[in-house]
Amino acid sequence: MVTRDESIAVFEEEGTVSECRHHWVIEPANGPVSRGECMNCHSVREFYNSIREPERED
């Protein structure tokens, strides 16, 4: 039986060219970054939990 933690978000990465259309499962926020793993190819990436200062717009 497979259960799903409702606090985990699933995202599809857009704008990249690769063999895998990533569908990221991202851990709940706990610090400045959260670990994400692709459901398809199991690639691992870190996602920022807030907007970094240079990315903010006035």
Protein backbone atom coordinates (compact mmCIF):
# COMPACT_ATOMS: atom_id res chain seq x y z
CA MET A 1 0.00 0.00 0.00
CA VAL A 2 1.32 3.42 -0.92
CA THR A 3 0.54 6.42 1.26
CA ARG A 4 1.07 10.07 0.40
CA ASP A 5 2.19 12.70 2.87
CA GLU A 6 -0.04 15.72 2.19
CA SER A 7 2.77 18.09 3.24
CA ILE A 8 4.92 17.05 0.25
CA ALA A 9 4.56 19.15 -2.88
CA VAL A 10 5.00 17.75 -6.39
CA PHE A 11 6.27 20.06 -9.13
CA GLU A 12 7.14 19.63 -12.78
CA GLU A 13 10.25 21.54 -13.81
CA GLU A 14 9.66 23.72 -16.87
CA GLY A 15 12.03 25.35 -19.32
CA THR A 16 14.73 22.70 -19.36
CA VAL A 17 15.76 20.32 -22.09
CA SER A 18 16.57 16.84 -20.86
CA GLU A 19 15.60 13.25 -21.45
CA CYS A 20 13.43 13.28 -18.32
CA ARG A 21 10.44 15.54 -17.71
CA HIS A 22 11.14 15.96 -14.02
CA HIS A 23 8.33 15.63 -11.52
CA TRP A 24 9.88 16.83 -8.28
CA VAL A 25 8.79 15.56 -4.86
CA ILE A 26 10.03 18.21 -2.44
CA GLU A 27 10.40 17.68 1.29
CA PRO A 28 8.55 20.06 3.62
CA ALA A 29 10.36 23.31 4.43
CA ASN A 30 12.83 22.89 7.28
CA GLY A 31 15.56 25.51 6.95
CA PRO A 32 16.70 27.55 3.94
CA VAL A 33 16.57 24.69 1.40
CA SER A 34 14.58 21.49 0.91
CA ARG A 35 15.71 18.34 -0.89
CA GLY A 36 13.74 17.29 -3.95
CA GLU A 37 13.86 14.02 -5.87
CA CYS A 38 12.45 13.36 -9.33
CA MET A 39 9.76 10.65 -9.28
CA ASN A 40 10.90 9.45 -12.73
CA CYS A 41 14.71 9.49 -12.87
CA HIS A 42 15.52 9.93 -9.15
CA SER A 43 17.71 13.00 -9.75
CA VAL A 44 18.24 15.00 -6.57
CA ARG A 45 18.17 18.79 -6.33
CA GLU A 46 17.88 21.41 -3.59
CA PHE A 47 15.06 23.98 -3.69
CA TYR A 48 15.16 27.30 -1.85
CA ASN A 49 12.31 27.80 0.61
CA SER A 50 12.24 31.57 0.14
CA ILE A 51 13.14 34.13 -2.49
CA ARG A 52 16.79 35.09 -2.36
CA GLU A 53 17.55 38.83 -2.17
CA PRO A 54 18.77 39.28 -5.82
CA GLU A 55 15.58 37.66 -7.12
CA ARG A 56 13.23 40.05 -5.29
CA GLU A 57 11.51 42.80 -7.20
CA ASP A 58 10.47 46.12 -5.69
